Amino acid sequence: MAGDAAGRAPESVDQGWRVLRRLAGRHAGFFTTRQVLRTGCEAKVRAGLGDGSVTRAGVGMLRLTEWPDGPLDEYAMWAAWFDGAAAVSHHSAAELHGLGRLRPRFLHLSVGAGRPPVTPRLVVLRRPLIGSDVESAGAFLVTTPVRTVLDLAEADIGQVALNEVVGDAVAINRCAGAEIRSASVRLPPRAAARVHRALKGL
């Protein structure tokens, strides 16, 4: 990594390291090389890579090894990539919420800002993240069950699959049918009609 912090005062380096650790702590220990440069922690991170306290998690991605591996690490890692300005959405959100059986092959993210990485693994949708449409899943954000249903109604899943998603959302009390019906007024007519058909089958 370029831009070494050799000339920085020790207290400045320590403060930068605290900031970087706080950023990493939001996303299960993951942080980006951009964040390293912003905090002036190049030397600290190089030392960490040498002693094993930091590991490379991908291109431009690193992780503090004190964090244990978990089943949702990939979501946390991409949340770190976008500095938290992203939410798991669409098919991936449905899977996290236990809605339907979509079995997504890609990880779907709605992103408010930031440059997407070059990877075939992600489907990135650019849109503003509205607070009422997302909820915390600890190390990352995910669209709410209602927002997830609305997104899938506008997506390319079949009506039978949408019926199952809506049925599961109501059956396991992730949201009420009335909530979904009320929120669907924001949708284009075709998508709203798909939601109403799904609700009729309950």
Protein backbone atom coordinates (compact mmCIF):
# COMPACT_ATOMS: atom_id res chain seq x y z
CA MET A 1 0.00 0.00 0.00
CA ALA A 2 1.29 3.42 -0.97
CA GLY A 3 1.15 6.61 1.06
CA ASP A 4 3.02 5.46 4.15
CA ALA A 5 2.37 7.30 7.42
CA ALA A 6 6.01 7.32 8.55
CA GLY A 7 5.99 11.04 9.28
CA ARG A 8 2.87 11.01 11.45
CA ALA A 9 3.01 11.62 15.18
CA PRO A 10 2.41 8.44 17.24
CA GLU A 11 -0.81 9.83 18.77
CA SER A 12 -2.13 10.59 15.26
CA VAL A 13 -1.40 7.01 14.13
CA ASP A 14 -3.03 5.60 17.27
CA GLN A 15 -6.11 7.73 16.73
CA GLY A 16 -6.33 6.61 13.09
CA TRP A 17 -6.02 2.99 14.18
CA ARG A 18 -8.86 3.44 16.67
CA VAL A 19 -11.03 4.95 13.93
CA LEU A 20 -10.19 2.09 11.55
CA ARG A 21 -10.97 -0.53 14.19
CA ARG A 22 -14.28 1.19 14.90
CA LEU A 23 -15.14 1.13 11.18
CA ALA A 24 -14.19 -2.55 10.96
CA GLY A 25 -16.26 -3.30 14.06
CA ARG A 26 -19.41 -2.19 12.25
CA HIS A 27 -18.96 -4.89 9.62
CA ALA A 28 -17.71 -8.00 11.44
CA GLY A 29 -14.06 -6.95 11.24
CA PHE A 30 -13.97 -6.15 7.52
CA PHE A 31 -12.45 -2.92 6.20
CA THR A 32 -11.19 -1.56 2.90
CA THR A 33 -7.84 -0.32 1.65
CA ARG A 34 -9.58 3.03 1.03
CA GLN A 35 -10.35 3.23 4.75
CA VAL A 36 -6.73 2.34 5.56
CA LEU A 37 -5.50 5.25 3.44
CA ARG A 38 -8.09 7.65 4.88
CA THR A 39 -7.07 6.85 8.45
CA GLY A 40 -3.33 6.82 7.74
CA CYS A 41 -2.89 3.26 9.03
CA GLU A 42 -0.79 1.79 6.22
CA ALA A 43 2.12 0.86 8.49
CA LYS A 44 -0.16 -0.60 11.18
CA VAL A 45 -2.00 -2.74 8.64
CA ARG A 46 1.24 -3.91 7.01
CA ALA A 47 2.46 -4.98 10.44
CA GLY A 48 -0.86 -6.73 11.05
CA LEU A 49 -0.56 -8.63 7.80
CA GLY A 50 2.91 -9.69 8.92
CA ASP A 51 1.92 -10.89 12.39
CA GLY A 52 -1.41 -12.43 11.32
CA SER A 53 -3.74 -10.01 13.14
CA VAL A 54 -4.97 -8.75 9.74
CA THR A 55 -5.79 -10.91 6.74
CA ARG A 56 -6.66 -10.21 3.11
CA ALA A 57 -10.32 -10.95 2.38
CA GLY A 58 -10.34 -10.02 -1.32
CA VAL A 59 -9.28 -7.30 -3.71
CA GLY A 60 -9.23 -4.09 -1.68
CA MET A 61 -10.70 -5.88 1.35
CA LEU A 62 -9.06 -6.82 4.66
CA ARG A 63 -10.23 -8.22 7.98
CA LEU A 64 -9.18 -8.21 11.61
CA THR A 65 -8.58 -11.88 12.40
CA GLU A 66 -9.90 -11.50 15.96
CA TRP A 67 -13.39 -11.68 14.44
CA PRO A 68 -14.68 -15.27 14.18
CA ASP A 69 -15.92 -16.55 10.83
CA GLY A 70 -19.69 -16.55 10.47
CA PRO A 71 -22.31 -17.66 7.92
CA LEU A 72 -23.16 -14.07 6.94
CA ASP A 73 -19.59 -12.81 6.44
CA GLU A 74 -20.05 -12.17 2.73
CA TYR A 75 -22.90 -9.74 3.43
CA ALA A 76 -20.80 -7.95 6.05
CA MET A 77 -17.81 -7.73 3.70
CA TRP A 78 -19.80 -6.03 0.92
CA ALA A 79 -21.42 -3.69 3.44
CA ALA A 80 -17.87 -2.63 4.39
CA TRP A 81 -16.96 -2.17 0.73
CA PHE A 82 -19.79 0.37 0.36
CA ASP A 83 -19.02 2.06 3.71
CA GLY A 84 -22.40 0.92 5.00
CA ALA A 85 -24.30 2.65 2.15
CA ALA A 86 -25.80 -0.65 0.92
CA ALA A 87 -28.56 -3.04 1.92
CA VAL A 88 -29.07 -6.69 1.05
CA SER A 89 -32.23 -6.71 -1.05
CA HIS A 90 -34.48 -8.58 -3.48
CA HIS A 91 -33.85 -12.35 -3.70
CA SER A 92 -31.04 -12.26 -1.13
CA ALA A 93 -33.19 -10.36 1.38
CA ALA A 94 -36.00 -12.87 0.89
CA GLU A 95 -33.58 -15.67 1.69
CA LEU A 96 -32.37 -13.90 4.85
CA HIS A 97 -35.95 -13.30 5.99
CA GLY A 98 -36.94 -16.91 5.24
CA LEU A 99 -39.44 -15.93 2.55
CA GLY A 100 -40.07 -18.32 -0.32
CA ARG A 101 -37.58 -20.66 -1.94
CA LEU A 102 -35.81 -18.44 -4.45
CA ARG A 103 -32.31 -19.87 -3.87
CA PRO A 104 -30.47 -16.88 -5.37
CA ARG A 105 -27.28 -17.54 -7.32
CA PHE A 106 -26.15 -13.95 -6.84
CA LEU A 107 -25.98 -11.58 -3.91
CA HIS A 108 -28.43 -8.72 -4.47
CA LEU A 109 -27.55 -5.30 -3.04
CA SER A 110 -29.33 -1.96 -3.17
CA VAL A 111 -26.67 0.74 -3.02
CA GLY A 112 -27.04 4.42 -2.22
CA ALA A 113 -23.44 5.43 -2.99
CA GLY A 114 -20.02 4.00 -3.80
CA ARG A 115 -18.19 2.32 -6.66
CA PRO A 116 -19.27 -1.29 -7.24
CA PRO A 117 -16.51 -3.91 -7.21
CA VAL A 118 -15.69 -5.90 -10.32
CA THR A 119 -17.18 -9.29 -9.46
CA PRO A 120 -19.78 -11.54 -11.10
CA ARG A 121 -21.09 -12.43 -7.64
CA LEU A 122 -23.05 -9.19 -7.08
CA VAL A 123 -26.21 -7.75 -8.59
CA VAL A 124 -26.10 -4.06 -7.65
CA LEU A 125 -29.14 -1.79 -7.91
CA ARG A 126 -28.51 1.95 -7.54
CA ARG A 127 -31.20 3.69 -5.51
CA PRO A 128 -31.54 5.88 -2.41
CA LEU A 129 -31.75 3.92 0.84
CA ILE A 130 -34.79 5.14 2.77
CA GLY A 131 -34.58 4.50 6.51
CA SER A 132 -38.07 3.00 6.75
CA ASP A 133 -37.22 0.47 4.01
CA VAL A 134 -34.17 -1.06 5.72
CA GLU A 135 -33.35 -2.68 9.04
CA SER A 136 -30.15 -3.71 10.77
CA ALA A 137 -28.95 -7.29 10.59
CA GLY A 138 -25.98 -6.53 12.84
CA ALA A 139 -23.01 -6.20 10.50
CA PHE A 140 -25.07 -5.05 7.49
CA LEU A 141 -28.44 -3.65 6.45
CA VAL A 142 -31.25 -5.61 4.80
CA THR A 143 -34.48 -4.40 3.24
CA THR A 144 -37.51 -4.91 5.47
CA PRO A 145 -39.85 -7.81 4.65
CA VAL A 146 -42.43 -5.38 3.21
CA ARG A 147 -39.84 -3.61 1.02
CA THR A 148 -38.51 -7.02 -0.06
CA VAL A 149 -41.99 -8.11 -1.18
CA LEU A 150 -42.43 -4.86 -3.14
CA ASP A 151 -39.02 -5.24 -4.79
CA LEU A 152 -39.75 -8.82 -5.83
CA ALA A 153 -43.15 -7.81 -7.21
CA GLU A 154 -41.29 -5.47 -9.57
CA ALA A 155 -38.61 -8.07 -10.35
CA ASP A 156 -38.72 -10.99 -12.74
CA ILE A 157 -39.84 -13.77 -10.37
CA GLY A 158 -42.97 -15.67 -11.39
CA GLN A 159 -46.35 -15.14 -9.78
CA VAL A 160 -46.24 -18.53 -8.03
CA ALA A 161 -42.89 -17.64 -6.44
CA LEU A 162 -44.23 -14.22 -5.39
CA ASN A 163 -47.31 -15.86 -3.89
CA GLU A 164 -45.03 -18.04 -1.79
CA VAL A 165 -42.92 -15.09 -0.63
CA VAL A 166 -46.03 -13.14 0.42
CA GLY A 167 -47.58 -16.21 2.04
CA ASP A 168 -44.44 -16.87 4.08
CA ALA A 169 -44.12 -13.21 5.12
CA VAL A 170 -47.61 -13.28 6.62
CA ALA A 171 -47.49 -16.86 7.96
CA ILE A 172 -44.30 -16.36 9.96
CA ASN A 173 -45.37 -12.88 11.12
CA ARG A 174 -42.63 -10.99 9.32
CA CYS A 175 -45.32 -8.50 8.28
CA ALA A 176 -49.09 -8.30 7.96
CA GLY A 177 -51.10 -8.57 4.76
CA ALA A 178 -52.58 -5.14 5.44
CA GLU A 179 -49.05 -3.66 5.61
CA ILE A 180 -48.16 -5.17 2.25
CA ARG A 181 -51.44 -4.00 0.67
CA SER A 182 -50.98 -0.46 1.98
CA ALA A 183 -47.35 -0.24 0.82
CA SER A 184 -48.17 -1.60 -2.64
CA VAL A 185 -49.85 1.70 -3.61
CA ARG A 186 -46.29 2.97 -4.25
CA LEU A 187 -45.78 0.38 -6.98
CA PRO A 188 -46.40 0.66 -10.72
CA PRO A 189 -49.81 -0.80 -11.66
CA ARG A 190 -48.52 -4.15 -12.95
CA ALA A 191 -46.45 -4.83 -9.83
CA ALA A 192 -49.29 -3.71 -7.54
CA ALA A 193 -51.65 -6.11 -9.31
CA ARG A 194 -49.16 -8.94 -8.75
CA VAL A 195 -49.10 -8.16 -5.02
CA HIS A 196 -52.90 -8.10 -4.83
CA ARG A 197 -53.10 -11.48 -6.58
CA ALA A 198 -50.63 -12.89 -4.06
CA LEU A 199 -52.64 -11.50 -1.15
CA LYS A 200 -55.91 -12.94 -2.52
CA GLY A 201 -54.45 -16.42 -2.20
CA LEU A 202 -53.94 -16.12 1.58
